[in-house]
Amino acid sequence: MDSIISLVENHIEYAPWIIFGLLLLAGFNVPVPEDGMLFVAATFAARNPEQLPQFFAAVYLGAYLSDLICYGLGRYLGPKLSHWRLFAKIMDQDKIDRVAGYYRNYGMLTLLFGRFVPFGVRNILFLTAGLGQMNAVKFAVADLVACTLSSAVFFSVYYRYGQKIVLIVQELNVALFVLALAVGAYFYFKRKNAA
């Protein structure tokens, strides 16, 4: 990892493009952590303040376009994706049904809260929105709001506090993930018992 960081620092003018490209790959379900890219971009921006706008633009636009790619794949390729190795793991019908239920019950709030949940949940949200034929304009606008909020918050925090905040954010992400699971389980069992 240190060799990668030193390589990037020696060619800092290309780093925003690299981050942008890696985030676009994440839209195709290549395991590129968005949180990691936000941290890397903010860290490099803190070390090179003259590059701050480029780093933020790269991470923000990369994340947003990645979401649109994933949505588009779900919408236009749909079930065919289950034959692709990169998508086979997340094409579990139970996961898709569960996330589709969140969209039915909570609408666009699912996207807003889902942006803050780690561990690959985001791509499931975007892919499922596409699979469920969610209105493309509605998705794009809701995700624009959610991506703007999450990117600005995380980038600002990472830029200001750097490595110290990573541990705190990781713990918060785990807590949010557990909370989301608990809320989902509550509504699942509430609905199941009502039936």
Protein backbone atom coordinates (compact mmCIF):
# COMPACT_ATOMS: atom_id res chain seq x y z
CA MET A 1 0.00 0.00 0.00
CA ASP A 2 2.84 2.40 0.83
CA SER A 3 4.35 1.91 -2.62
CA ILE A 4 1.02 2.76 -4.25
CA ILE A 5 0.71 5.90 -2.14
CA SER A 6 4.25 7.02 -3.00
CA LEU A 7 3.62 6.33 -6.69
CA VAL A 8 0.47 8.46 -6.60
CA GLU A 9 2.20 11.24 -4.66
CA ASN A 10 4.94 11.38 -7.29
CA HIS A 11 2.27 11.84 -9.98
CA ILE A 12 -0.34 13.74 -7.97
CA GLU A 13 -1.75 15.51 -11.04
CA TYR A 14 -3.07 12.14 -12.28
CA ALA A 15 -4.47 10.97 -8.96
CA PRO A 16 -7.95 12.51 -9.37
CA TRP A 17 -8.31 10.74 -12.72
CA ILE A 18 -7.22 7.43 -11.20
CA ILE A 19 -9.71 7.80 -8.35
CA PHE A 20 -12.46 8.74 -10.81
CA GLY A 21 -11.69 5.70 -12.98
CA LEU A 22 -11.60 3.32 -10.03
CA LEU A 23 -14.97 4.57 -8.84
CA LEU A 24 -16.44 4.04 -12.30
CA LEU A 25 -15.25 0.43 -12.11
CA ALA A 26 -17.18 0.09 -8.85
CA GLY A 27 -20.36 0.66 -10.86
CA PHE A 28 -19.59 -2.60 -12.65
CA ASN A 29 -19.33 -4.29 -9.24
CA VAL A 30 -15.53 -4.39 -9.25
CA PRO A 31 -14.71 -4.30 -5.52
CA VAL A 32 -13.46 -0.72 -5.20
CA PRO A 33 -14.51 0.71 -1.81
CA GLU A 34 -16.10 4.11 -2.19
CA ASP A 35 -15.29 4.95 1.43
CA GLY A 36 -11.65 4.16 0.76
CA MET A 37 -11.59 6.36 -2.32
CA LEU A 38 -13.15 9.22 -0.34
CA PHE A 39 -10.49 8.84 2.32
CA VAL A 40 -7.64 8.64 -0.21
CA ALA A 41 -8.93 11.66 -2.14
CA ALA A 42 -9.35 13.74 1.02
CA THR A 43 -5.95 12.72 2.35
CA PHE A 44 -4.21 13.66 -0.90
CA ALA A 45 -6.20 16.91 -1.03
CA ALA A 46 -5.07 17.76 2.51
CA ARG A 47 -1.44 17.18 1.48
CA ASN A 48 -1.92 19.09 -1.79
CA PRO A 49 -4.49 21.85 -1.10
CA GLU A 50 -4.11 23.29 -4.60
CA GLN A 51 -5.61 20.01 -5.89
CA LEU A 52 -8.62 20.02 -3.51
CA PRO A 53 -11.28 20.90 -6.14
CA GLN A 54 -9.99 18.22 -8.50
CA PHE A 55 -9.96 15.54 -5.81
CA PHE A 56 -13.47 16.36 -4.62
CA ALA A 57 -14.82 16.52 -8.17
CA ALA A 58 -13.19 13.17 -8.98
CA VAL A 59 -14.58 11.36 -5.98
CA TYR A 60 -18.02 12.98 -6.19
CA LEU A 61 -18.55 12.51 -9.92
CA GLY A 62 -16.99 9.06 -9.84
CA ALA A 63 -19.33 7.94 -7.07
CA TYR A 64 -22.41 9.42 -8.73
CA LEU A 65 -21.68 8.06 -12.20
CA SER A 66 -20.84 4.69 -10.65
CA ASP A 67 -24.31 4.62 -9.10
CA LEU A 68 -25.90 5.43 -12.45
CA ILE A 69 -23.89 2.67 -14.14
CA CYS A 70 -25.02 0.12 -11.57
CA TYR A 71 -28.64 1.28 -11.87
CA GLY A 72 -28.42 1.08 -15.67
CA LEU A 73 -27.00 -2.43 -15.55
CA GLY A 74 -29.89 -3.55 -13.37
CA ARG A 75 -32.47 -1.81 -15.52
CA TYR A 76 -31.23 -2.84 -18.95
CA LEU A 77 -29.47 -6.15 -18.37
CA GLY A 78 -31.58 -7.34 -15.45
CA PRO A 79 -31.55 -11.07 -14.75
CA LYS A 80 -28.79 -11.67 -17.32
CA LEU A 81 -26.38 -10.23 -14.76
CA SER A 82 -26.64 -13.36 -12.62
CA HIS A 83 -24.45 -15.11 -15.21
CA TRP A 84 -21.61 -12.62 -14.70
CA ARG A 85 -19.13 -13.57 -12.02
CA LEU A 86 -18.91 -10.01 -10.68
CA PHE A 87 -22.66 -9.88 -10.06
CA ALA A 88 -23.53 -13.49 -9.20
CA LYS A 89 -22.93 -13.03 -5.47
CA ILE A 90 -25.30 -10.09 -5.09
CA MET A 91 -28.00 -11.46 -7.40
CA ASP A 92 -29.48 -13.56 -4.60
CA GLN A 93 -33.25 -13.27 -5.05
CA ASP A 94 -33.85 -12.89 -1.30
CA LYS A 95 -31.55 -9.86 -1.17
CA ILE A 96 -33.19 -8.34 -4.22
CA ASP A 97 -36.69 -8.88 -2.81
CA ARG A 98 -35.68 -7.42 0.56
CA VAL A 99 -34.21 -4.28 -0.99
CA ALA A 100 -37.18 -3.93 -3.37
CA GLY A 101 -39.39 -4.05 -0.27
CA TYR A 102 -37.41 -1.19 1.26
CA TYR A 103 -38.00 0.86 -1.89
CA ARG A 104 -41.73 0.07 -1.78
CA ASN A 105 -42.03 0.95 1.91
CA TYR A 106 -39.63 3.87 2.25
CA GLY A 107 -39.12 5.13 -1.28
CA MET A 108 -36.23 7.49 -1.80
CA LEU A 109 -35.28 7.43 1.89
CA THR A 110 -33.85 3.99 1.11
CA LEU A 111 -31.28 5.65 -1.15
CA LEU A 112 -30.51 8.42 1.30
CA PHE A 113 -29.85 6.07 4.21
CA GLY A 114 -28.31 3.42 1.98
CA ARG A 115 -25.54 5.80 0.92
CA PHE A 116 -24.25 5.73 4.48
CA VAL A 117 -24.27 1.93 4.83
CA PRO A 118 -20.97 0.16 4.05
CA PHE A 119 -20.01 -3.37 3.00
CA GLY A 120 -21.26 -3.37 -0.59
CA VAL A 121 -24.85 -2.55 0.31
CA ARG A 122 -24.85 0.47 -1.99
CA ASN A 123 -24.44 -1.52 -5.19
CA ILE A 124 -27.29 -3.81 -4.16
CA LEU A 125 -29.48 -0.71 -3.68
CA PHE A 126 -28.63 0.73 -7.08
CA LEU A 127 -28.83 -2.57 -8.93
CA THR A 128 -32.19 -3.39 -7.34
CA ALA A 129 -33.55 0.04 -8.23
CA GLY A 130 -32.70 -0.76 -11.84
CA LEU A 131 -34.02 -4.32 -11.67
CA GLY A 132 -37.26 -2.98 -10.22
CA GLN A 133 -37.57 -0.53 -13.13
CA MET A 134 -37.60 2.48 -10.78
CA ASN A 135 -38.18 5.71 -12.67
CA ALA A 136 -34.74 6.72 -13.98
CA VAL A 137 -35.20 10.45 -13.39
CA LYS A 138 -36.46 9.87 -9.86
CA PHE A 139 -33.50 7.61 -9.15
CA ALA A 140 -31.00 10.06 -10.64
CA VAL A 141 -32.36 13.01 -8.63
CA ALA A 142 -32.64 11.09 -5.35
CA ASP A 143 -29.17 9.63 -5.77
CA LEU A 144 -27.77 13.05 -6.69
CA VAL A 145 -29.05 14.41 -3.37
CA ALA A 146 -27.84 11.37 -1.43
CA CYS A 147 -24.43 11.30 -3.15
CA THR A 148 -23.93 15.04 -2.68
CA LEU A 149 -24.71 14.76 1.02
CA SER A 150 -22.60 11.68 1.73
CA SER A 151 -19.64 12.73 -0.43
CA ALA A 152 -19.52 16.23 1.05
CA VAL A 153 -19.81 14.97 4.62
CA PHE A 154 -17.24 12.17 4.36
CA PHE A 155 -14.78 14.14 2.22
CA SER A 156 -14.92 17.12 4.60
CA VAL A 157 -14.47 14.96 7.68
CA TYR A 158 -11.61 12.96 6.15
CA TYR A 159 -9.98 16.15 4.85
CA ARG A 160 -10.11 17.81 8.24
CA TYR A 161 -9.36 14.91 10.58
CA GLY A 162 -7.61 12.34 8.39
CA GLN A 163 -6.56 8.99 9.83
CA LYS A 164 -8.04 9.64 13.29
CA ILE A 165 -11.53 9.76 11.91
CA VAL A 166 -11.20 6.55 9.90
CA LEU A 167 -11.48 4.41 13.01
CA ILE A 168 -14.49 6.37 14.21
CA VAL A 169 -16.21 6.23 10.80
CA GLN A 170 -15.59 2.48 10.55
CA GLU A 171 -17.25 2.00 13.92
CA LEU A 172 -20.13 4.28 12.92
CA ASN A 173 -20.56 2.38 9.64
CA VAL A 174 -20.76 -0.89 11.52
CA ALA A 175 -23.26 0.67 13.94
CA LEU A 176 -25.37 2.01 11.05
CA PHE A 177 -25.27 -1.37 9.34
CA VAL A 178 -26.40 -3.13 12.53
CA LEU A 179 -29.10 -0.50 13.07
CA ALA A 180 -30.36 -0.93 9.49
CA LEU A 181 -30.47 -4.69 9.97
CA ALA A 182 -32.32 -4.30 13.27
CA VAL A 183 -34.90 -1.92 11.76
CA GLY A 184 -35.33 -4.23 8.77
CA ALA A 185 -35.76 -7.25 11.04
CA TYR A 186 -38.26 -5.37 13.19
CA PHE A 187 -40.46 -4.49 10.22
CA TYR A 188 -40.05 -7.95 8.72
CA PHE A 189 -41.21 -9.69 11.90
CA LYS A 190 -43.92 -7.10 12.50
CA ARG A 191 -45.32 -7.72 9.03
CA LYS A 192 -44.90 -11.50 9.37
CA ASN A 193 -46.76 -11.57 12.69
CA ALA A 194 -49.54 -9.36 11.31
CA ALA A 195 -50.13 -11.80 8.45
